[in-house]
Amino acid sequence: MARGTLFVMTGASGVGKGTIRAQVMGYLHRSLHYSISMTTRAPRPGEKNGQDYYFVSKEEFEARIARNGFLEYAEFVGNYYGTPREPVEEALNKGLDVLLEIEVQGALQVAKQAPDAVMIFIVPPSLSELKHRLLLRGTESLEKIEKRLAQARREMEAAHNFHYVVVNDELGSAVNDFMAIIRAERLRYPRMKEAIAQALTHDPEIDAENAVLEEKIRKAGS
């Protein structure tokens, strides 16, 4: 069985990574495993352990750090967040493709630890359009929006480290582009060795039919 491929999605702050990921998983949930992050923060109302996050104590998280148990991790506002290595490796070894949706710095950490990972960066059509979307949400102050835009600009400067760039202009097109990347990567030679080996074999039943057809052609030509 061929080992699965690790797909890492990241992008500018507020660009809609979660929306794209949700739609992609809706289409590919049978063949694409979404890796759940681990955190030391308390669950919010409605959140479930093992579904939204793996919720653990700070001591357990730090013990995992000590034994290199994360592909990436960071500390934010007094809490740890990270991608546990074990479930990702387990899924990959089963032949499943795995999707991570993480922040830019975390994605760059993963790229160092998993050089075979497929790195995908999501960008807005423009900073003006990103600002327009944030203003339409009406959920943040103008000061927070400006900070988010400044962060998005800094994050987009890291896009050259990634294999693919998807522009989230129209959601449906962005989702299709993302899935096209997955389809293309699944057709790379290392993933297709079994198909090539099969293509070089002979099928006795078809060979028998071919022999009958060959005989008909011979008789027609004689």
N, C-alpha and C. Protein backbone atom coordinates (compact mmCIF):
# COMPACT_ATOMS: atom_id res chain seq x y z
N MET A 1 0.84 -1.20 0.00
CA MET A 1 0.00 0.00 0.00
C MET A 1 0.88 1.25 0.00
N ALA A 2 0.57 2.19 -0.90
CA ALA A 2 1.34 3.43 -0.97
C ALA A 2 1.02 4.31 0.22
N ARG A 3 2.05 4.97 0.74
CA ARG A 3 1.86 5.89 1.85
C ARG A 3 1.05 7.09 1.38
N GLY A 4 0.21 7.61 2.25
CA GLY A 4 -0.60 8.77 1.90
C GLY A 4 0.23 10.03 1.76
N THR A 5 -0.41 11.08 1.28
CA THR A 5 0.24 12.37 1.09
C THR A 5 -0.27 13.36 2.11
N LEU A 6 0.64 14.15 2.67
CA LEU A 6 0.28 15.19 3.64
C LEU A 6 0.08 16.51 2.90
N PHE A 7 -1.14 17.05 2.98
CA PHE A 7 -1.46 18.35 2.38
C PHE A 7 -1.56 19.39 3.50
N VAL A 8 -0.82 20.47 3.35
CA VAL A 8 -0.80 21.52 4.36
C VAL A 8 -1.41 22.79 3.78
N MET A 9 -2.54 23.21 4.35
CA MET A 9 -3.21 24.43 3.91
C MET A 9 -2.94 25.56 4.90
N THR A 10 -2.52 26.69 4.37
CA THR A 10 -2.38 27.87 5.19
C THR A 10 -2.69 29.08 4.32
N GLY A 11 -2.52 30.27 4.89
CA GLY A 11 -2.78 31.46 4.08
C GLY A 11 -2.95 32.69 4.93
N ALA A 12 -3.22 33.76 4.25
CA ALA A 12 -3.35 35.05 4.90
C ALA A 12 -4.49 35.05 5.92
N SER A 13 -4.30 35.80 6.98
CA SER A 13 -5.30 35.91 8.03
C SER A 13 -6.63 36.40 7.46
N GLY A 14 -7.72 35.68 7.75
CA GLY A 14 -9.05 36.10 7.32
C GLY A 14 -9.39 35.78 5.88
N VAL A 15 -8.58 34.93 5.22
CA VAL A 15 -8.79 34.70 3.79
C VAL A 15 -9.86 33.65 3.51
N GLY A 16 -10.29 32.90 4.52
CA GLY A 16 -11.34 31.90 4.30
C GLY A 16 -10.83 30.48 4.23
N LYS A 17 -9.73 30.20 4.90
CA LYS A 17 -9.16 28.84 4.87
C LYS A 17 -10.17 27.82 5.40
N GLY A 18 -10.82 28.15 6.52
CA GLY A 18 -11.74 27.20 7.13
C GLY A 18 -12.92 26.87 6.24
N THR A 19 -13.41 27.86 5.51
CA THR A 19 -14.55 27.64 4.61
C THR A 19 -14.15 26.73 3.46
N ILE A 20 -12.97 26.97 2.89
CA ILE A 20 -12.48 26.12 1.80
C ILE A 20 -12.28 24.70 2.31
N ARG A 21 -11.64 24.58 3.46
CA ARG A 21 -11.38 23.25 4.03
C ARG A 21 -12.67 22.49 4.27
N ALA A 22 -13.68 23.15 4.82
CA ALA A 22 -14.95 22.47 5.10
C ALA A 22 -15.58 21.93 3.83
N GLN A 23 -15.54 22.71 2.75
CA GLN A 23 -16.14 22.25 1.50
C GLN A 23 -15.33 21.12 0.87
N VAL A 24 -14.01 21.24 0.92
CA VAL A 24 -13.16 20.18 0.38
C VAL A 24 -13.41 18.87 1.14
N MET A 25 -13.48 18.95 2.47
CA MET A 25 -13.72 17.74 3.25
C MET A 25 -15.11 17.18 2.98
N GLY A 26 -16.07 18.04 2.67
CA GLY A 26 -17.40 17.57 2.33
C GLY A 26 -17.39 16.69 1.09
N TYR A 27 -16.53 17.03 0.13
CA TYR A 27 -16.42 16.25 -1.10
C TYR A 27 -15.52 15.02 -0.93
N LEU A 28 -14.45 15.16 -0.16
CA LEU A 28 -13.40 14.13 -0.13
C LEU A 28 -13.28 13.43 1.22
N HIS A 29 -14.32 13.46 2.04
CA HIS A 29 -14.22 12.93 3.40
C HIS A 29 -13.89 11.44 3.43
N ARG A 30 -14.19 10.70 2.38
CA ARG A 30 -13.90 9.27 2.37
C ARG A 30 -12.42 8.98 2.13
N SER A 31 -11.73 9.89 1.47
CA SER A 31 -10.34 9.61 1.10
C SER A 31 -9.34 10.62 1.67
N LEU A 32 -9.84 11.58 2.44
CA LEU A 32 -8.97 12.63 2.99
C LEU A 32 -9.23 12.74 4.48
N HIS A 33 -8.17 12.58 5.26
CA HIS A 33 -8.28 12.63 6.72
C HIS A 33 -7.90 14.02 7.20
N TYR A 34 -8.80 14.66 7.96
CA TYR A 34 -8.51 15.98 8.51
C TYR A 34 -7.88 15.82 9.87
N SER A 35 -6.69 16.38 10.03
CA SER A 35 -5.97 16.25 11.30
C SER A 35 -6.46 17.28 12.30
N ILE A 36 -6.84 16.82 13.47
CA ILE A 36 -7.35 17.69 14.53
C ILE A 36 -6.20 18.18 15.39
N SER A 37 -6.20 19.46 15.69
CA SER A 37 -5.15 20.05 16.50
C SER A 37 -5.35 19.72 17.98
N MET A 38 -4.29 19.92 18.75
CA MET A 38 -4.32 19.71 20.19
C MET A 38 -4.10 21.05 20.88
N THR A 39 -4.77 21.28 22.01
CA THR A 39 -4.62 22.54 22.72
C THR A 39 -4.74 22.34 24.22
N THR A 40 -4.16 23.29 24.96
CA THR A 40 -4.30 23.28 26.42
C THR A 40 -5.40 24.20 26.91
N ARG A 41 -6.04 24.93 26.00
CA ARG A 41 -7.12 25.81 26.46
C ARG A 41 -8.36 24.99 26.77
N ALA A 42 -9.25 25.57 27.56
CA ALA A 42 -10.49 24.88 27.93
C ALA A 42 -11.45 24.84 26.74
N PRO A 43 -12.27 23.80 26.65
CA PRO A 43 -13.27 23.75 25.57
C PRO A 43 -14.27 24.90 25.69
N ARG A 44 -14.64 25.44 24.54
CA ARG A 44 -15.70 26.46 24.51
C ARG A 44 -17.05 25.76 24.43
N PRO A 45 -18.14 26.46 24.75
CA PRO A 45 -19.46 25.83 24.68
C PRO A 45 -19.71 25.18 23.32
N GLY A 46 -20.10 23.92 23.34
CA GLY A 46 -20.40 23.20 22.11
C GLY A 46 -19.24 22.44 21.52
N GLU A 47 -18.02 22.74 21.96
CA GLU A 47 -16.85 22.04 21.43
C GLU A 47 -16.72 20.65 22.06
N LYS A 48 -16.26 19.69 21.24
CA LYS A 48 -16.13 18.32 21.70
C LYS A 48 -14.69 17.84 21.55
N ASN A 49 -14.22 17.13 22.57
CA ASN A 49 -12.88 16.57 22.52
C ASN A 49 -12.80 15.51 21.42
N GLY A 50 -11.74 15.62 20.59
CA GLY A 50 -11.57 14.67 19.50
C GLY A 50 -12.33 15.04 18.25
N GLN A 51 -13.10 16.10 18.32
CA GLN A 51 -13.85 16.56 17.14
C GLN A 51 -13.40 17.97 16.75
N ASP A 52 -13.39 18.87 17.70
CA ASP A 52 -12.93 20.24 17.43
C ASP A 52 -11.43 20.36 17.72
N TYR A 53 -11.03 19.85 18.86
CA TYR A 53 -9.63 19.79 19.29
C TYR A 53 -9.45 18.56 20.15
N TYR A 54 -8.19 18.19 20.36
CA TYR A 54 -7.86 17.32 21.47
C TYR A 54 -7.51 18.24 22.64
N PHE A 55 -8.29 18.21 23.70
CA PHE A 55 -8.07 19.07 24.85
C PHE A 55 -7.25 18.31 25.89
N VAL A 56 -6.07 18.85 26.20
CA VAL A 56 -5.17 18.18 27.15
C VAL A 56 -4.64 19.20 28.15
N SER A 57 -4.02 18.70 29.20
CA SER A 57 -3.41 19.57 30.19
C SER A 57 -2.08 20.13 29.67
N LYS A 58 -1.63 21.19 30.30
CA LYS A 58 -0.34 21.77 29.92
C LYS A 58 0.78 20.77 30.14
N GLU A 59 0.68 19.99 31.21
CA GLU A 59 1.71 19.00 31.51
C GLU A 59 1.79 17.93 30.42
N GLU A 60 0.63 17.47 29.97
CA GLU A 60 0.63 16.46 28.91
C GLU A 60 1.18 17.03 27.61
N PHE A 61 0.81 18.26 27.29
CA PHE A 61 1.29 18.89 26.07
C PHE A 61 2.81 19.01 26.11
N GLU A 62 3.34 19.49 27.23
CA GLU A 62 4.79 19.67 27.35
C GLU A 62 5.53 18.34 27.33
N ALA A 63 4.89 17.29 27.85
CA ALA A 63 5.50 15.95 27.77
C ALA A 63 5.61 15.49 26.32
N ARG A 64 4.59 15.81 25.53
CA ARG A 64 4.63 15.47 24.10
C ARG A 64 5.71 16.27 23.38
N ILE A 65 5.87 17.54 23.76
CA ILE A 65 6.94 18.35 23.17
C ILE A 65 8.29 17.70 23.43
N ALA A 66 8.47 17.24 24.67
CA ALA A 66 9.76 16.65 25.08
C ALA A 66 10.11 15.40 24.28
N ARG A 67 9.08 14.66 23.84
CA ARG A 67 9.36 13.44 23.07
C ARG A 67 9.10 13.64 21.57
N ASN A 68 9.17 14.90 21.12
CA ASN A 68 9.02 15.25 19.70
C ASN A 68 7.69 14.75 19.14
N GLY A 69 6.63 14.98 19.92
CA GLY A 69 5.33 14.47 19.54
C GLY A 69 4.48 15.38 18.69
N PHE A 70 5.05 16.49 18.20
CA PHE A 70 4.28 17.42 17.37
C PHE A 70 4.99 17.70 16.05
N LEU A 71 4.20 17.81 15.01
CA LEU A 71 4.73 18.29 13.73
C LEU A 71 4.98 19.79 13.79
N GLU A 72 4.14 20.48 14.55
CA GLU A 72 4.30 21.91 14.78
C GLU A 72 3.52 22.27 16.03
N TYR A 73 3.99 23.32 16.71
CA TYR A 73 3.23 23.81 17.86
C TYR A 73 3.65 25.25 18.14
N ALA A 74 2.80 25.95 18.89
CA ALA A 74 3.08 27.33 19.26
C ALA A 74 2.33 27.63 20.55
N GLU A 75 2.77 28.66 21.24
CA GLU A 75 2.08 29.13 22.44
C GLU A 75 1.44 30.46 22.13
N PHE A 76 0.16 30.59 22.48
CA PHE A 76 -0.58 31.81 22.19
C PHE A 76 -1.45 32.16 23.38
N VAL A 77 -1.28 33.36 23.92
CA VAL A 77 -2.05 33.86 25.05
C VAL A 77 -2.07 32.83 26.20
N GLY A 78 -0.92 32.27 26.49
CA GLY A 78 -0.81 31.37 27.62
C GLY A 78 -1.23 29.94 27.38
N ASN A 79 -1.67 29.62 26.16
CA ASN A 79 -2.08 28.25 25.84
C ASN A 79 -1.27 27.72 24.67
N TYR A 80 -1.05 26.40 24.69
CA TYR A 80 -0.38 25.73 23.59
C TYR A 80 -1.39 25.27 22.54
N TYR A 81 -0.94 25.30 21.28
CA TYR A 81 -1.70 24.73 20.16
C TYR A 81 -0.71 23.97 19.29
N GLY A 82 -1.10 22.80 18.79
CA GLY A 82 -0.16 22.06 17.97
C GLY A 82 -0.82 20.92 17.21
N THR A 83 -0.06 20.36 16.26
CA THR A 83 -0.51 19.23 15.46
C THR A 83 0.19 17.97 15.95
N PRO A 84 -0.52 17.07 16.65
CA PRO A 84 0.12 15.85 17.15
C PRO A 84 0.62 14.98 16.00
N ARG A 85 1.83 14.48 16.13
CA ARG A 85 2.46 13.71 15.07
C ARG A 85 1.82 12.33 14.88
N GLU A 86 1.50 11.66 15.98
CA GLU A 86 1.10 10.25 15.92
C GLU A 86 -0.13 10.00 15.04
N PRO A 87 -1.27 10.72 15.22
CA PRO A 87 -2.42 10.42 14.36
C PRO A 87 -2.17 10.73 12.89
N VAL A 88 -1.33 11.73 12.61
CA VAL A 88 -1.00 12.03 11.21
C VAL A 88 -0.22 10.88 10.60
N GLU A 89 0.81 10.40 11.31
CA GLU A 89 1.62 9.30 10.81
C GLU A 89 0.79 8.03 10.65
N GLU A 90 -0.09 7.79 11.58
CA GLU A 90 -0.94 6.60 11.53
C GLU A 90 -1.82 6.61 10.28
N ALA A 91 -2.43 7.77 9.99
CA ALA A 91 -3.28 7.87 8.80
C ALA A 91 -2.46 7.74 7.52
N LEU A 92 -1.31 8.39 7.46
CA LEU A 92 -0.46 8.31 6.27
C LEU A 92 -0.01 6.88 6.00
N ASN A 93 0.35 6.17 7.07
CA ASN A 93 0.80 4.79 6.91
C ASN A 93 -0.31 3.85 6.47
N LYS A 94 -1.56 4.25 6.70
CA LYS A 94 -2.71 3.47 6.22
C LYS A 94 -3.04 3.78 4.77
N GLY A 95 -2.28 4.69 4.16
CA GLY A 95 -2.53 5.06 2.77
C GLY A 95 -3.49 6.22 2.60
N LEU A 96 -3.92 6.82 3.72
CA LEU A 96 -4.84 7.95 3.65
C LEU A 96 -4.08 9.25 3.41
N ASP A 97 -4.66 10.12 2.62
CA ASP A 97 -4.12 11.47 2.51
C ASP A 97 -4.62 12.27 3.71
N VAL A 98 -3.78 13.19 4.19
CA VAL A 98 -4.08 13.95 5.39
C VAL A 98 -4.04 15.44 5.08
N LEU A 99 -5.00 16.17 5.61
CA LEU A 99 -5.06 17.62 5.42
C LEU A 99 -4.86 18.33 6.75
N LEU A 100 -3.93 19.27 6.78
CA LEU A 100 -3.75 20.15 7.92
C LEU A 100 -4.19 21.56 7.50
N GLU A 101 -4.94 22.22 8.37
CA GLU A 101 -5.26 23.64 8.17
C GLU A 101 -4.66 24.38 9.36
N ILE A 102 -3.54 25.06 9.13
CA ILE A 102 -2.82 25.69 10.22
C ILE A 102 -2.32 27.06 9.80
N GLU A 103 -1.78 27.80 10.77
CA GLU A 103 -1.27 29.14 10.50
C GLU A 103 0.08 29.05 9.79
N VAL A 104 0.51 30.19 9.24
CA VAL A 104 1.68 30.21 8.37
C VAL A 104 2.93 29.70 9.07
N GLN A 105 3.23 30.19 10.27
CA GLN A 105 4.44 29.77 10.95
C GLN A 105 4.41 28.27 11.26
N GLY A 106 3.25 27.76 11.63
CA GLY A 106 3.13 26.33 11.86
C GLY A 106 3.36 25.54 10.59
N ALA A 107 2.84 26.04 9.47
CA ALA A 107 3.02 25.36 8.19
C ALA A 107 4.50 25.28 7.82
N LEU A 108 5.24 26.35 8.09
CA LEU A 108 6.66 26.35 7.79
C LEU A 108 7.41 25.36 8.68
N GLN A 109 6.95 25.18 9.92
CA GLN A 109 7.53 24.16 10.79
C GLN A 109 7.30 22.76 10.20
N VAL A 110 6.08 22.52 9.72
CA VAL A 110 5.75 21.21 9.15
C VAL A 110 6.61 20.95 7.92
N ALA A 111 6.82 21.97 7.10
CA ALA A 111 7.63 21.81 5.88
C ALA A 111 9.03 21.32 6.20
N LYS A 112 9.58 21.76 7.32
CA LYS A 112 10.92 21.32 7.72
C LYS A 112 10.91 19.87 8.21
N GLN A 113 9.86 19.49 8.93
CA GLN A 113 9.79 18.14 9.49
C GLN A 113 9.27 17.11 8.50
N ALA A 114 8.49 17.56 7.52
CA ALA A 114 7.90 16.64 6.54
C ALA A 114 8.15 17.20 5.14
N PRO A 115 9.37 17.05 4.62
CA PRO A 115 9.73 17.67 3.34
C PRO A 115 8.90 17.18 2.16
N ASP A 116 8.23 16.03 2.30
CA ASP A 116 7.37 15.53 1.21
C ASP A 116 5.97 16.14 1.23
N ALA A 117 5.67 16.94 2.24
CA ALA A 117 4.33 17.53 2.34
C ALA A 117 4.06 18.46 1.16
N VAL A 118 2.80 18.49 0.75
CA VAL A 118 2.36 19.39 -0.33
C VAL A 118 1.84 20.66 0.32
N MET A 119 2.50 21.78 0.06
CA MET A 119 2.23 23.04 0.74
C MET A 119 1.36 23.94 -0.14
N ILE A 120 0.20 24.34 0.40
CA ILE A 120 -0.77 25.13 -0.37
C ILE A 120 -1.09 26.42 0.38
N PHE A 121 -0.93 27.54 -0.30
CA PHE A 121 -1.13 28.86 0.31
C PHE A 121 -2.37 29.52 -0.29
N ILE A 122 -3.28 29.98 0.57
CA ILE A 122 -4.51 30.63 0.13
C ILE A 122 -4.34 32.15 0.24
N VAL A 123 -4.64 32.86 -0.83
CA VAL A 123 -4.53 34.32 -0.82
C VAL A 123 -5.85 34.95 -1.25
N PRO A 124 -6.10 36.19 -0.83
CA PRO A 124 -7.27 36.93 -1.33
C PRO A 124 -6.95 37.50 -2.71
N PRO A 125 -7.97 37.92 -3.46
CA PRO A 125 -7.68 38.55 -4.76
C PRO A 125 -6.90 39.84 -4.61
N SER A 126 -7.09 40.53 -3.50
CA SER A 126 -6.34 41.76 -3.21
C SER A 126 -6.54 42.11 -1.74
N LEU A 127 -5.67 42.95 -1.21
CA LEU A 127 -5.85 43.42 0.16
C LEU A 127 -7.10 44.27 0.29
N SER A 128 -7.43 44.99 -0.77
CA SER A 128 -8.65 45.81 -0.75
C SER A 128 -9.89 44.93 -0.60
N GLU A 129 -9.91 43.82 -1.35
CA GLU A 129 -11.05 42.91 -1.26
C GLU A 129 -11.10 42.24 0.11
N LEU A 130 -9.94 41.88 0.65
CA LEU A 130 -9.91 41.28 1.98
C LEU A 130 -10.46 42.25 3.02
N LYS A 131 -10.06 43.52 2.93
CA LYS A 131 -10.58 44.52 3.85
C LYS A 131 -12.09 44.67 3.70
N HIS A 132 -12.56 44.65 2.45
CA HIS A 132 -13.99 44.77 2.19
C HIS A 132 -14.76 43.65 2.87
N ARG A 133 -14.26 42.43 2.78
CA ARG A 133 -14.93 41.28 3.40
C ARG A 133 -14.95 41.41 4.93
N LEU A 134 -13.84 41.85 5.48
CA LEU A 134 -13.76 42.01 6.94
C LEU A 134 -14.72 43.10 7.42
N LEU A 135 -14.83 44.18 6.65
CA LEU A 135 -15.75 45.25 7.01
C LEU A 135 -17.20 44.77 6.93
N LEU A 136 -17.50 43.96 5.91
CA LEU A 136 -18.87 43.45 5.76
C LEU A 136 -19.26 42.53 6.90
N ARG A 137 -18.30 41.81 7.46
CA ARG A 137 -18.60 40.93 8.59
C ARG A 137 -19.16 41.72 9.76
N GLY A 138 -18.55 42.87 10.00
CA GLY A 138 -19.00 43.72 11.09
C GLY A 138 -18.77 43.13 12.46
N THR A 139 -17.79 42.23 12.59
CA THR A 139 -17.56 41.55 13.86
C THR A 139 -16.33 42.07 14.59
N GLU A 140 -15.56 42.95 13.96
CA GLU A 140 -14.32 43.43 14.56
C GLU A 140 -14.23 44.94 14.46
N SER A 141 -13.49 45.53 15.37
CA SER A 141 -13.28 46.97 15.33
C SER A 141 -12.36 47.33 14.16
N LEU A 142 -12.38 48.61 13.78
CA LEU A 142 -11.50 49.06 12.70
C LEU A 142 -10.04 48.84 13.05
N GLU A 143 -9.71 48.99 14.31
CA GLU A 143 -8.32 48.77 14.73
C GLU A 143 -7.91 47.31 14.54
N LYS A 144 -8.81 46.39 14.90
CA LYS A 144 -8.51 44.97 14.73
C LYS A 144 -8.41 44.61 13.25
N ILE A 145 -9.26 45.20 12.44
CA ILE A 145 -9.21 44.93 11.00
C ILE A 145 -7.88 45.38 10.42
N GLU A 146 -7.41 46.54 10.80
CA GLU A 146 -6.13 47.04 10.29
C GLU A 146 -4.99 46.13 10.74
N LYS A 147 -5.05 45.64 11.97
CA LYS A 147 -4.02 44.72 12.45
C LYS A 147 -4.06 43.42 11.65
N ARG A 148 -5.26 42.94 11.37
CA ARG A 148 -5.41 41.70 10.60
C ARG A 148 -4.85 41.87 9.18
N LEU A 149 -5.10 43.05 8.59
CA LEU A 149 -4.59 43.31 7.24
C LEU A 149 -3.06 43.40 7.23
N ALA A 150 -2.51 44.02 8.26
CA ALA A 150 -1.05 44.10 8.36
C ALA A 150 -0.44 42.71 8.51
N GLN A 151 -1.12 41.86 9.31
CA GLN A 151 -0.65 40.49 9.48
C GLN A 151 -0.76 39.72 8.17
N ALA A 152 -1.87 39.92 7.45
CA ALA A 152 -2.06 39.23 6.17
C ALA A 152 -0.96 39.60 5.18
N ARG A 153 -0.57 40.87 5.15
CA ARG A 153 0.50 41.31 4.26
C ARG A 153 1.81 40.59 4.61
N ARG A 154 2.13 40.52 5.91
CA ARG A 154 3.37 39.84 6.32
C ARG A 154 3.32 38.36 5.97
N GLU A 155 2.16 37.74 6.18
CA GLU A 155 2.04 36.31 5.91
C GLU A 155 2.18 36.01 4.42
N MET A 156 1.63 36.87 3.57
CA MET A 156 1.70 36.62 2.13
C MET A 156 3.13 36.73 1.60
N GLU A 157 3.99 37.40 2.33
CA GLU A 157 5.39 37.48 1.93
C GLU A 157 6.09 36.14 2.05
N ALA A 158 5.45 35.17 2.75
CA ALA A 158 6.02 33.82 2.89
C ALA A 158 5.51 32.87 1.82
N ALA A 159 4.67 33.34 0.92
CA ALA A 159 4.03 32.45 -0.06
C ALA A 159 5.03 31.76 -0.98
N HIS A 160 6.21 32.35 -1.16
CA HIS A 160 7.20 31.75 -2.06
C HIS A 160 7.74 30.43 -1.52
N ASN A 161 7.48 30.12 -0.26
CA ASN A 161 7.92 28.86 0.34
C ASN A 161 6.98 27.70 0.03
N PHE A 162 5.88 27.95 -0.68
CA PHE A 162 4.85 26.95 -0.89
C PHE A 162 4.83 26.46 -2.34
N HIS A 163 4.27 25.27 -2.51
CA HIS A 163 4.22 24.66 -3.85
C HIS A 163 3.10 25.23 -4.71
N TYR A 164 1.97 25.55 -4.09
CA TYR A 164 0.79 26.01 -4.83
C TYR A 164 0.21 27.24 -4.16
N VAL A 165 -0.41 28.08 -4.97
CA VAL A 165 -1.15 29.23 -4.46
C VAL A 165 -2.56 29.18 -5.04
N VAL A 166 -3.55 29.28 -4.15
CA VAL A 166 -4.96 29.30 -4.56
C VAL A 166 -5.53 30.66 -4.20
N VAL A 167 -6.13 31.33 -5.19
CA VAL A 167 -6.73 32.63 -4.96
C VAL A 167 -8.20 32.43 -4.59
N ASN A 168 -8.58 32.88 -3.40
CA ASN A 168 -9.97 32.75 -2.96
C ASN A 168 -10.73 34.01 -3.37
N ASP A 169 -11.04 34.07 -4.66
CA ASP A 169 -11.84 35.16 -5.21
C ASP A 169 -13.31 34.74 -5.17
N GLU A 170 -13.61 33.66 -5.89
CA GLU A 170 -14.95 33.06 -5.87
C GLU A 170 -14.82 31.70 -5.21
N LEU A 171 -15.60 31.43 -4.17
CA LEU A 171 -15.41 30.26 -3.33
C LEU A 171 -15.42 28.96 -4.13
N GLY A 172 -16.39 28.80 -5.01
CA GLY A 172 -16.48 27.56 -5.78
C GLY A 172 -15.23 27.30 -6.60
N SER A 173 -14.69 28.34 -7.22
CA SER A 173 -13.47 28.19 -8.02
C SER A 173 -12.28 27.84 -7.14
N ALA A 174 -12.21 28.46 -5.96
CA ALA A 174 -11.10 28.17 -5.04
C ALA A 174 -11.16 26.72 -4.57
N VAL A 175 -12.35 26.24 -4.26
CA VAL A 175 -12.51 24.84 -3.84
C VAL A 175 -12.11 23.91 -4.97
N ASN A 176 -12.54 24.20 -6.20
CA ASN A 176 -12.19 23.37 -7.35
C ASN A 176 -10.68 23.37 -7.58
N ASP A 177 -10.05 24.52 -7.44
CA ASP A 177 -8.60 24.60 -7.61
C ASP A 177 -7.89 23.75 -6.55
N PHE A 178 -8.37 23.84 -5.32
CA PHE A 178 -7.76 23.07 -4.24
C PHE A 178 -7.89 21.58 -4.51
N MET A 179 -9.06 21.14 -4.93
CA MET A 179 -9.25 19.72 -5.20
C MET A 179 -8.46 19.28 -6.43
N ALA A 180 -8.25 20.19 -7.39
CA ALA A 180 -7.43 19.86 -8.56
C ALA A 180 -5.99 19.57 -8.14
N ILE A 181 -5.50 20.30 -7.15
CA ILE A 181 -4.16 20.04 -6.64
C ILE A 181 -4.09 18.65 -6.03
N ILE A 182 -5.10 18.29 -5.24
CA ILE A 182 -5.12 16.96 -4.63
C ILE A 182 -5.17 15.89 -5.70
N ARG A 183 -6.02 16.08 -6.72
CA ARG A 183 -6.11 15.08 -7.79
C ARG A 183 -4.78 14.94 -8.52
N ALA A 184 -4.13 16.06 -8.82
CA ALA A 184 -2.86 16.02 -9.53
C ALA A 184 -1.79 15.30 -8.72
N GLU A 185 -1.72 15.59 -7.42
CA GLU A 185 -0.72 14.96 -6.57
C GLU A 185 -0.96 13.45 -6.46
N ARG A 186 -2.21 13.04 -6.50
CA ARG A 186 -2.52 11.62 -6.42
C ARG A 186 -2.12 10.86 -7.69
N LEU A 187 -1.90 11.60 -8.78
CA LEU A 187 -1.51 10.97 -10.04
C LEU A 187 -0.01 11.01 -10.29
N ARG A 188 0.76 11.51 -9.33
CA ARG A 188 2.21 11.50 -9.48
C ARG A 188 2.72 10.05 -9.51
N TYR A 189 3.88 9.86 -10.16
CA TYR A 189 4.40 8.51 -10.38
C TYR A 189 4.49 7.66 -9.11
N PRO A 190 5.05 8.16 -7.99
CA PRO A 190 5.16 7.29 -6.82
C PRO A 190 3.83 6.72 -6.35
N ARG A 191 2.75 7.48 -6.53
CA ARG A 191 1.42 7.00 -6.11
C ARG A 191 0.82 6.03 -7.13
N MET A 192 1.38 6.01 -8.35
CA MET A 192 0.77 5.25 -9.44
C MET A 192 1.56 4.00 -9.82
N LYS A 193 2.51 3.58 -8.98
CA LYS A 193 3.32 2.40 -9.31
C LYS A 193 2.46 1.16 -9.49
N GLU A 194 1.46 1.00 -8.62
CA GLU A 194 0.60 -0.18 -8.73
C GLU A 194 -0.19 -0.16 -10.03
N ALA A 195 -0.65 1.04 -10.44
CA ALA A 195 -1.40 1.14 -11.69
C ALA A 195 -0.51 0.81 -12.88
N ILE A 196 0.75 1.25 -12.82
CA ILE A 196 1.68 0.96 -13.91
C ILE A 196 1.96 -0.54 -13.97
N ALA A 197 2.18 -1.15 -12.79
CA ALA A 197 2.42 -2.59 -12.76
C ALA A 197 1.22 -3.34 -13.33
N GLN A 198 0.01 -2.89 -13.00
CA GLN A 198 -1.19 -3.53 -13.51
C GLN A 198 -1.30 -3.35 -15.02
N ALA A 199 -0.90 -2.16 -15.51
CA ALA A 199 -0.98 -1.89 -16.95
C ALA A 199 -0.06 -2.81 -17.75
N LEU A 200 0.98 -3.35 -17.12
CA LEU A 200 1.93 -4.22 -17.82
C LEU A 200 1.54 -5.69 -17.74
N THR A 201 0.41 -6.02 -17.14
CA THR A 201 -0.02 -7.41 -17.02
C THR A 201 -0.95 -7.80 -18.16
N HIS A 202 -1.21 -9.10 -18.27
CA HIS A 202 -2.16 -9.63 -19.25
C HIS A 202 -3.34 -10.25 -18.52
N ASP A 203 -4.53 -10.07 -19.09
CA ASP A 203 -5.76 -10.64 -18.55
C ASP A 203 -6.14 -11.84 -19.41
N PRO A 204 -6.12 -13.06 -18.87
CA PRO A 204 -6.41 -14.26 -19.68
C PRO A 204 -7.75 -14.19 -20.40
N GLU A 205 -8.76 -13.66 -19.73
CA GLU A 205 -10.10 -13.59 -20.36
C GLU A 205 -10.10 -12.66 -21.56
N ILE A 206 -9.48 -11.50 -21.40
CA ILE A 206 -9.41 -10.56 -22.52
C ILE A 206 -8.50 -11.11 -23.61
N ASP A 207 -7.40 -11.77 -23.21
CA ASP A 207 -6.50 -12.36 -24.20
C ASP A 207 -7.22 -13.40 -25.05
N ALA A 208 -8.12 -14.17 -24.42
CA ALA A 208 -8.89 -15.16 -25.16
C ALA A 208 -9.81 -14.48 -26.18
N GLU A 209 -10.46 -13.39 -25.78
CA GLU A 209 -11.31 -12.63 -26.71
C GLU A 209 -10.47 -12.05 -27.84
N ASN A 210 -9.28 -11.58 -27.49
CA ASN A 210 -8.40 -11.02 -28.52
C ASN A 210 -8.01 -12.08 -29.55
N ALA A 211 -7.78 -13.31 -29.07
CA ALA A 211 -7.41 -14.39 -29.99
C ALA A 211 -8.53 -14.67 -30.99
N VAL A 212 -9.79 -14.63 -30.50
CA VAL A 212 -10.94 -14.82 -31.39
C VAL A 212 -11.01 -13.71 -32.43
N LEU A 213 -10.81 -12.47 -31.98
CA LEU A 213 -10.84 -11.34 -32.91
C LEU A 213 -9.71 -11.41 -33.93
N GLU A 214 -8.53 -11.83 -33.48
CA GLU A 214 -7.39 -11.97 -34.40
C GLU A 214 -7.70 -13.01 -35.47
N GLU A 215 -8.33 -14.11 -35.05
CA GLU A 215 -8.66 -15.17 -36.00
C GLU A 215 -9.67 -14.67 -37.03
N LYS A 216 -10.63 -13.86 -36.59
CA LYS A 216 -11.61 -13.29 -37.53
C LYS A 216 -10.94 -12.41 -38.55
N ILE A 217 -9.97 -11.60 -38.08
CA ILE A 217 -9.26 -10.70 -38.99
C ILE A 217 -8.44 -11.48 -40.01
N ARG A 218 -7.80 -12.58 -39.54
CA ARG A 218 -7.02 -13.40 -40.45
C ARG A 218 -7.90 -13.99 -41.55
N LYS A 219 -9.07 -14.52 -41.11
CA LYS A 219 -9.98 -15.15 -42.08
C LYS A 219 -10.51 -14.12 -43.07
N ALA A 220 -10.79 -12.90 -42.58
CA ALA A 220 -11.32 -11.85 -43.47
C ALA A 220 -10.25 -11.42 -44.48
N GLY A 221 -9.00 -11.57 -44.11
CA GLY A 221 -7.94 -11.11 -45.01
C GLY A 221 -7.46 -12.17 -45.96
N SER A 222 -7.90 -13.41 -45.76
CA SER A 222 -7.44 -14.49 -46.61
C SER A 222 -8.31 -14.67 -47.85
